[in-house]
Amino acid sequence: MNWIKKFMIGRYGPDQLSTALLVLYIIFSGIFHSTLLNILSMVLLIIIFYRMFSKDIGKRYEENNKFLKYWHPIKNKARKKMNRMKSRKDYRYYECLNCKQKLRVPRGKGKITVTCPKCKITMIKKT
């Protein structure tokens, strides 16, 4: 194992983009069986190894940052949707009529007055 550490000194190694490419490789090679997708999956594998063993750390770092710039909004939106799905038994979600702010109110309270914290408009909603 010590020889692997010595070999990887000065090389970029794995990052989030490499992980995403590896997931794509697994999907293309494992689920779908087509000649074109097999070739595409092999190209992905070559790109993954090229990135991991590259000594141009600055360029790989920039590539990863560009990927993360697009990945984080998608990830955050999915996380918000998952949290909303998990809490749908306890909370009801409304959208402000004026500013489109998302409002969360507890379920089972009957008709309540909801005040938007952003624009201070009040609405009567059933929970």
N, C-alpha and C. Protein backbone atom coordinates (compact mmCIF):
# COMPACT_ATOMS: atom_id res chain seq x y z
N MET A 1 0.81 -1.21 0.00
CA MET A 1 0.00 0.00 0.00
C MET A 1 0.85 1.27 0.00
N ASN A 2 2.05 1.16 0.48
CA ASN A 2 2.92 2.32 0.54
C ASN A 2 3.31 2.78 -0.86
N TRP A 3 3.41 1.84 -1.80
CA TRP A 3 3.79 2.21 -3.16
C TRP A 3 2.70 3.02 -3.85
N ILE A 4 1.43 2.79 -3.46
CA ILE A 4 0.33 3.57 -4.03
C ILE A 4 0.44 5.01 -3.56
N LYS A 5 0.74 5.20 -2.27
CA LYS A 5 0.90 6.55 -1.74
C LYS A 5 2.04 7.27 -2.45
N LYS A 6 3.15 6.57 -2.67
CA LYS A 6 4.29 7.18 -3.36
C LYS A 6 3.94 7.52 -4.80
N PHE A 7 3.19 6.62 -5.46
CA PHE A 7 2.81 6.85 -6.84
C PHE A 7 1.89 8.06 -6.97
N MET A 8 0.99 8.25 -6.01
CA MET A 8 0.00 9.32 -6.10
C MET A 8 0.53 10.69 -5.65
N ILE A 9 1.73 10.75 -5.13
CA ILE A 9 2.31 12.04 -4.74
C ILE A 9 2.47 12.91 -5.99
N GLY A 10 1.91 14.12 -5.95
CA GLY A 10 1.99 15.04 -7.08
C GLY A 10 0.92 14.82 -8.12
N ARG A 11 0.01 13.89 -7.87
CA ARG A 11 -1.09 13.64 -8.80
C ARG A 11 -2.38 14.15 -8.20
N TYR A 12 -3.39 14.37 -9.05
CA TYR A 12 -4.62 15.03 -8.61
C TYR A 12 -5.49 14.15 -7.73
N GLY A 13 -5.73 12.93 -8.10
CA GLY A 13 -6.56 12.02 -7.29
C GLY A 13 -8.05 12.20 -7.57
N PRO A 14 -8.89 11.53 -6.81
CA PRO A 14 -10.34 11.59 -7.06
C PRO A 14 -10.94 12.90 -6.54
N ASP A 15 -12.03 13.34 -7.18
CA ASP A 15 -12.78 14.50 -6.74
C ASP A 15 -14.25 14.30 -7.08
N GLN A 16 -15.08 15.33 -6.92
CA GLN A 16 -16.51 15.19 -7.13
C GLN A 16 -16.85 14.93 -8.60
N LEU A 17 -16.14 15.57 -9.52
CA LEU A 17 -16.38 15.34 -10.94
C LEU A 17 -16.04 13.90 -11.32
N SER A 18 -14.94 13.39 -10.80
CA SER A 18 -14.58 12.00 -11.07
C SER A 18 -15.63 11.04 -10.52
N THR A 19 -16.16 11.35 -9.36
CA THR A 19 -17.21 10.52 -8.77
C THR A 19 -18.47 10.55 -9.63
N ALA A 20 -18.85 11.72 -10.12
CA ALA A 20 -20.03 11.83 -10.98
C ALA A 20 -19.81 11.06 -12.29
N LEU A 21 -18.62 11.16 -12.85
CA LEU A 21 -18.32 10.41 -14.07
C LEU A 21 -18.33 8.90 -13.81
N LEU A 22 -17.88 8.50 -12.62
CA LEU A 22 -17.90 7.08 -12.28
C LEU A 22 -19.34 6.56 -12.15
N VAL A 23 -20.22 7.37 -11.60
CA VAL A 23 -21.63 6.99 -11.51
C VAL A 23 -22.22 6.85 -12.90
N LEU A 24 -21.90 7.79 -13.79
CA LEU A 24 -22.36 7.68 -15.18
C LEU A 24 -21.82 6.42 -15.85
N TYR A 25 -20.55 6.12 -15.58
CA TYR A 25 -19.95 4.91 -16.14
C TYR A 25 -20.70 3.66 -15.67
N ILE A 26 -21.02 3.60 -14.39
CA ILE A 26 -21.74 2.44 -13.85
C ILE A 26 -23.12 2.33 -14.48
N ILE A 27 -23.80 3.46 -14.64
CA ILE A 27 -25.13 3.44 -15.25
C ILE A 27 -25.04 2.98 -16.70
N PHE A 28 -24.11 3.55 -17.47
CA PHE A 28 -24.01 3.20 -18.88
C PHE A 28 -23.55 1.76 -19.10
N SER A 29 -22.62 1.28 -18.28
CA SER A 29 -22.09 -0.06 -18.51
C SER A 29 -22.93 -1.14 -17.87
N GLY A 30 -23.64 -0.83 -16.79
CA GLY A 30 -24.37 -1.87 -16.07
C GLY A 30 -25.82 -2.01 -16.47
N ILE A 31 -26.48 -0.90 -16.71
CA ILE A 31 -27.93 -0.95 -16.94
C ILE A 31 -28.24 -1.11 -18.42
N PHE A 32 -27.62 -0.31 -19.26
CA PHE A 32 -27.93 -0.33 -20.67
C PHE A 32 -26.93 -1.21 -21.41
N HIS A 33 -27.41 -1.99 -22.36
CA HIS A 33 -26.52 -2.87 -23.13
C HIS A 33 -26.63 -2.49 -24.60
N SER A 34 -25.71 -1.64 -25.02
CA SER A 34 -25.65 -1.17 -26.39
C SER A 34 -24.18 -0.95 -26.73
N THR A 35 -23.83 -1.16 -27.97
CA THR A 35 -22.44 -1.01 -28.39
C THR A 35 -21.99 0.44 -28.22
N LEU A 36 -22.84 1.37 -28.61
CA LEU A 36 -22.48 2.79 -28.49
C LEU A 36 -22.30 3.20 -27.03
N LEU A 37 -23.19 2.73 -26.16
CA LEU A 37 -23.07 3.07 -24.74
C LEU A 37 -21.87 2.38 -24.09
N ASN A 38 -21.52 1.18 -24.57
CA ASN A 38 -20.31 0.52 -24.06
C ASN A 38 -19.06 1.32 -24.43
N ILE A 39 -19.04 1.84 -25.66
CA ILE A 39 -17.90 2.66 -26.08
C ILE A 39 -17.87 3.95 -25.26
N LEU A 40 -19.03 4.57 -25.05
CA LEU A 40 -19.11 5.79 -24.25
C LEU A 40 -18.67 5.52 -22.81
N SER A 41 -19.06 4.38 -22.26
CA SER A 41 -18.66 4.07 -20.88
C SER A 41 -17.15 3.84 -20.78
N MET A 42 -16.55 3.27 -21.81
CA MET A 42 -15.09 3.09 -21.78
C MET A 42 -14.37 4.43 -21.90
N VAL A 43 -14.91 5.34 -22.70
CA VAL A 43 -14.34 6.69 -22.80
C VAL A 43 -14.43 7.39 -21.44
N LEU A 44 -15.57 7.24 -20.76
CA LEU A 44 -15.72 7.82 -19.43
C LEU A 44 -14.68 7.26 -18.46
N LEU A 45 -14.45 5.97 -18.52
CA LEU A 45 -13.46 5.34 -17.64
C LEU A 45 -12.06 5.87 -17.91
N ILE A 46 -11.73 6.06 -19.18
CA ILE A 46 -10.43 6.62 -19.54
C ILE A 46 -10.30 8.05 -19.01
N ILE A 47 -11.36 8.84 -19.13
CA ILE A 47 -11.34 10.22 -18.63
C ILE A 47 -11.16 10.23 -17.11
N ILE A 48 -11.84 9.31 -16.43
CA ILE A 48 -11.73 9.23 -14.96
C ILE A 48 -10.28 8.96 -14.56
N PHE A 49 -9.67 7.95 -15.18
CA PHE A 49 -8.28 7.62 -14.82
C PHE A 49 -7.32 8.74 -15.23
N TYR A 50 -7.57 9.37 -16.37
CA TYR A 50 -6.72 10.48 -16.79
C TYR A 50 -6.77 11.61 -15.76
N ARG A 51 -7.98 11.94 -15.29
CA ARG A 51 -8.12 13.00 -14.30
C ARG A 51 -7.45 12.63 -12.98
N MET A 52 -7.62 11.39 -12.54
CA MET A 52 -7.06 10.99 -11.25
C MET A 52 -5.54 10.96 -11.25
N PHE A 53 -4.94 10.55 -12.36
CA PHE A 53 -3.49 10.40 -12.40
C PHE A 53 -2.79 11.61 -13.01
N SER A 54 -3.54 12.66 -13.30
CA SER A 54 -2.97 13.85 -13.91
C SER A 54 -2.07 14.60 -12.93
N LYS A 55 -1.00 15.17 -13.47
CA LYS A 55 -0.11 15.98 -12.63
C LYS A 55 -0.41 17.47 -12.78
N ASP A 56 -1.34 17.83 -13.68
CA ASP A 56 -1.75 19.22 -13.86
C ASP A 56 -2.88 19.52 -12.88
N ILE A 57 -2.51 19.71 -11.62
CA ILE A 57 -3.47 19.84 -10.53
C ILE A 57 -4.33 21.11 -10.69
N GLY A 58 -3.74 22.20 -11.13
CA GLY A 58 -4.49 23.45 -11.29
C GLY A 58 -5.62 23.33 -12.30
N LYS A 59 -5.33 22.70 -13.43
CA LYS A 59 -6.36 22.54 -14.46
C LYS A 59 -7.48 21.62 -14.00
N ARG A 60 -7.13 20.52 -13.31
CA ARG A 60 -8.16 19.59 -12.80
C ARG A 60 -9.00 20.27 -11.73
N TYR A 61 -8.38 21.12 -10.92
CA TYR A 61 -9.09 21.86 -9.88
C TYR A 61 -10.10 22.82 -10.51
N GLU A 62 -9.70 23.51 -11.58
CA GLU A 62 -10.62 24.41 -12.29
C GLU A 62 -11.80 23.65 -12.89
N GLU A 63 -11.52 22.48 -13.50
CA GLU A 63 -12.59 21.66 -14.07
C GLU A 63 -13.59 21.25 -13.00
N ASN A 64 -13.08 20.85 -11.84
CA ASN A 64 -13.95 20.43 -10.75
C ASN A 64 -14.79 21.60 -10.25
N ASN A 65 -14.20 22.79 -10.16
CA ASN A 65 -14.95 23.97 -9.71
C ASN A 65 -16.05 24.34 -10.69
N LYS A 66 -15.80 24.22 -12.00
CA LYS A 66 -16.84 24.47 -13.00
C LYS A 66 -17.98 23.48 -12.85
N PHE A 67 -17.64 22.22 -12.61
CA PHE A 67 -18.66 21.19 -12.39
C PHE A 67 -19.48 21.51 -11.14
N LEU A 68 -18.82 21.88 -10.06
CA LEU A 68 -19.51 22.17 -8.80
C LEU A 68 -20.40 23.40 -8.92
N LYS A 69 -20.03 24.37 -9.76
CA LYS A 69 -20.84 25.56 -9.97
C LYS A 69 -22.22 25.18 -10.52
N TYR A 70 -22.28 24.15 -11.36
CA TYR A 70 -23.55 23.70 -11.91
C TYR A 70 -24.20 22.63 -11.04
N TRP A 71 -23.40 21.86 -10.31
CA TRP A 71 -23.92 20.74 -9.53
C TRP A 71 -24.60 21.19 -8.24
N HIS A 72 -24.04 22.17 -7.54
CA HIS A 72 -24.58 22.58 -6.25
C HIS A 72 -26.02 23.08 -6.32
N PRO A 73 -26.42 23.92 -7.29
CA PRO A 73 -27.84 24.31 -7.35
C PRO A 73 -28.77 23.12 -7.57
N ILE A 74 -28.37 22.17 -8.38
CA ILE A 74 -29.19 20.98 -8.61
C ILE A 74 -29.30 20.17 -7.33
N LYS A 75 -28.19 20.00 -6.66
CA LYS A 75 -28.16 19.23 -5.41
C LYS A 75 -28.99 19.90 -4.33
N ASN A 76 -28.89 21.22 -4.21
CA ASN A 76 -29.65 21.95 -3.20
C ASN A 76 -31.15 21.89 -3.47
N LYS A 77 -31.54 21.99 -4.74
CA LYS A 77 -32.95 21.92 -5.09
C LYS A 77 -33.51 20.54 -4.78
N ALA A 78 -32.73 19.50 -5.07
CA ALA A 78 -33.17 18.13 -4.76
C ALA A 78 -33.27 17.93 -3.25
N ARG A 79 -32.33 18.49 -2.50
CA ARG A 79 -32.36 18.36 -1.04
C ARG A 79 -33.59 19.05 -0.46
N LYS A 80 -33.92 20.24 -1.00
CA LYS A 80 -35.12 20.95 -0.53
C LYS A 80 -36.38 20.14 -0.82
N LYS A 81 -36.45 19.54 -2.00
CA LYS A 81 -37.62 18.73 -2.35
C LYS A 81 -37.73 17.52 -1.42
N MET A 82 -36.61 16.89 -1.12
CA MET A 82 -36.62 15.72 -0.23
C MET A 82 -37.06 16.12 1.18
N ASN A 83 -36.54 17.23 1.68
CA ASN A 83 -36.94 17.70 3.02
C ASN A 83 -38.42 18.05 3.05
N ARG A 84 -38.90 18.63 1.98
CA ARG A 84 -40.32 18.98 1.91
C ARG A 84 -41.18 17.72 1.88
N MET A 85 -40.73 16.71 1.16
CA MET A 85 -41.47 15.44 1.11
C MET A 85 -41.47 14.75 2.48
N LYS A 86 -40.36 14.82 3.19
CA LYS A 86 -40.27 14.19 4.51
C LYS A 86 -41.17 14.88 5.53
N SER A 87 -41.33 16.19 5.41
CA SER A 87 -42.08 16.94 6.42
C SER A 87 -43.52 17.22 6.01
N ARG A 88 -44.02 16.58 4.96
CA ARG A 88 -45.36 16.90 4.49
C ARG A 88 -46.45 16.43 5.45
N LYS A 89 -46.15 15.50 6.35
CA LYS A 89 -47.13 15.09 7.36
C LYS A 89 -47.33 16.16 8.43
N ASP A 90 -46.30 16.90 8.72
CA ASP A 90 -46.33 17.87 9.81
C ASP A 90 -46.58 19.30 9.34
N TYR A 91 -46.26 19.61 8.09
CA TYR A 91 -46.35 20.99 7.61
C TYR A 91 -47.07 21.06 6.27
N ARG A 92 -47.65 22.21 6.02
CA ARG A 92 -48.29 22.50 4.75
C ARG A 92 -47.53 23.68 4.14
N TYR A 93 -47.33 23.65 2.84
CA TYR A 93 -46.55 24.68 2.17
C TYR A 93 -47.45 25.52 1.27
N TYR A 94 -47.26 26.82 1.36
CA TYR A 94 -47.99 27.77 0.52
C TYR A 94 -46.98 28.70 -0.14
N GLU A 95 -47.45 29.38 -1.17
CA GLU A 95 -46.64 30.37 -1.85
C GLU A 95 -47.30 31.73 -1.65
N CYS A 96 -46.50 32.72 -1.30
CA CYS A 96 -47.02 34.07 -1.11
C CYS A 96 -47.58 34.58 -2.45
N LEU A 97 -48.74 35.18 -2.39
CA LEU A 97 -49.39 35.67 -3.61
C LEU A 97 -48.67 36.89 -4.19
N ASN A 98 -47.96 37.61 -3.35
CA ASN A 98 -47.32 38.84 -3.78
C ASN A 98 -45.89 38.61 -4.27
N CYS A 99 -45.07 37.96 -3.46
CA CYS A 99 -43.64 37.86 -3.77
C CYS A 99 -43.17 36.44 -4.11
N LYS A 100 -44.07 35.47 -4.09
CA LYS A 100 -43.78 34.06 -4.43
C LYS A 100 -42.85 33.37 -3.45
N GLN A 101 -42.71 33.93 -2.25
CA GLN A 101 -41.93 33.31 -1.18
C GLN A 101 -42.62 32.02 -0.73
N LYS A 102 -41.85 30.96 -0.45
CA LYS A 102 -42.42 29.72 0.05
C LYS A 102 -42.67 29.86 1.55
N LEU A 103 -43.88 29.50 1.98
CA LEU A 103 -44.27 29.63 3.39
C LEU A 103 -44.61 28.25 3.93
N ARG A 104 -44.14 27.94 5.13
CA ARG A 104 -44.41 26.66 5.77
C ARG A 104 -45.24 26.90 7.02
N VAL A 105 -46.38 26.22 7.10
CA VAL A 105 -47.26 26.36 8.27
C VAL A 105 -47.57 24.96 8.81
N PRO A 106 -47.79 24.84 10.12
CA PRO A 106 -48.08 23.53 10.70
C PRO A 106 -49.45 23.02 10.27
N ARG A 107 -49.56 21.73 10.09
CA ARG A 107 -50.84 21.11 9.71
C ARG A 107 -51.74 20.96 10.92
N GLY A 108 -53.04 20.90 10.65
CA GLY A 108 -54.02 20.58 11.68
C GLY A 108 -54.39 21.72 12.61
N LYS A 109 -54.19 22.95 12.21
CA LYS A 109 -54.52 24.10 13.05
C LYS A 109 -55.80 24.80 12.61
N GLY A 110 -56.46 24.28 11.56
CA GLY A 110 -57.67 24.92 11.06
C GLY A 110 -57.32 26.11 10.19
N LYS A 111 -58.19 27.11 10.16
CA LYS A 111 -57.91 28.32 9.39
C LYS A 111 -57.04 29.24 10.23
N ILE A 112 -55.93 29.66 9.64
CA ILE A 112 -55.01 30.55 10.34
C ILE A 112 -54.63 31.71 9.42
N THR A 113 -54.14 32.75 10.02
CA THR A 113 -53.63 33.89 9.28
C THR A 113 -52.14 33.71 9.09
N VAL A 114 -51.72 33.70 7.84
CA VAL A 114 -50.31 33.51 7.51
C VAL A 114 -49.77 34.85 7.04
N THR A 115 -48.67 35.29 7.65
CA THR A 115 -48.03 36.54 7.27
C THR A 115 -46.70 36.23 6.59
N CYS A 116 -46.51 36.75 5.42
CA CYS A 116 -45.26 36.54 4.69
C CYS A 116 -44.15 37.34 5.37
N PRO A 117 -43.03 36.71 5.72
CA PRO A 117 -41.95 37.45 6.39
C PRO A 117 -41.22 38.41 5.45
N LYS A 118 -41.35 38.20 4.16
CA LYS A 118 -40.62 39.02 3.21
C LYS A 118 -41.38 40.32 2.86
N CYS A 119 -42.66 40.18 2.50
CA CYS A 119 -43.40 41.37 2.05
C CYS A 119 -44.52 41.78 3.02
N LYS A 120 -44.70 41.05 4.11
CA LYS A 120 -45.65 41.36 5.19
C LYS A 120 -47.11 41.32 4.76
N ILE A 121 -47.45 40.64 3.69
CA ILE A 121 -48.84 40.49 3.29
C ILE A 121 -49.45 39.35 4.12
N THR A 122 -50.72 39.49 4.49
CA THR A 122 -51.37 38.44 5.29
C THR A 122 -52.41 37.71 4.43
N MET A 123 -52.50 36.41 4.68
CA MET A 123 -53.45 35.56 3.96
C MET A 123 -54.12 34.65 4.97
N ILE A 124 -55.33 34.27 4.71
CA ILE A 124 -56.03 33.29 5.55
C ILE A 124 -55.99 31.96 4.80
N LYS A 125 -55.38 30.96 5.43
CA LYS A 125 -55.21 29.66 4.79
C LYS A 125 -55.68 28.56 5.72
N LYS A 126 -56.12 27.46 5.13
CA LYS A 126 -56.54 26.28 5.89
C LYS A 126 -55.34 25.33 5.98
N THR A 127 -55.08 24.84 7.18
CA THR A 127 -53.94 23.94 7.34
C THR A 127 -54.38 22.51 7.58
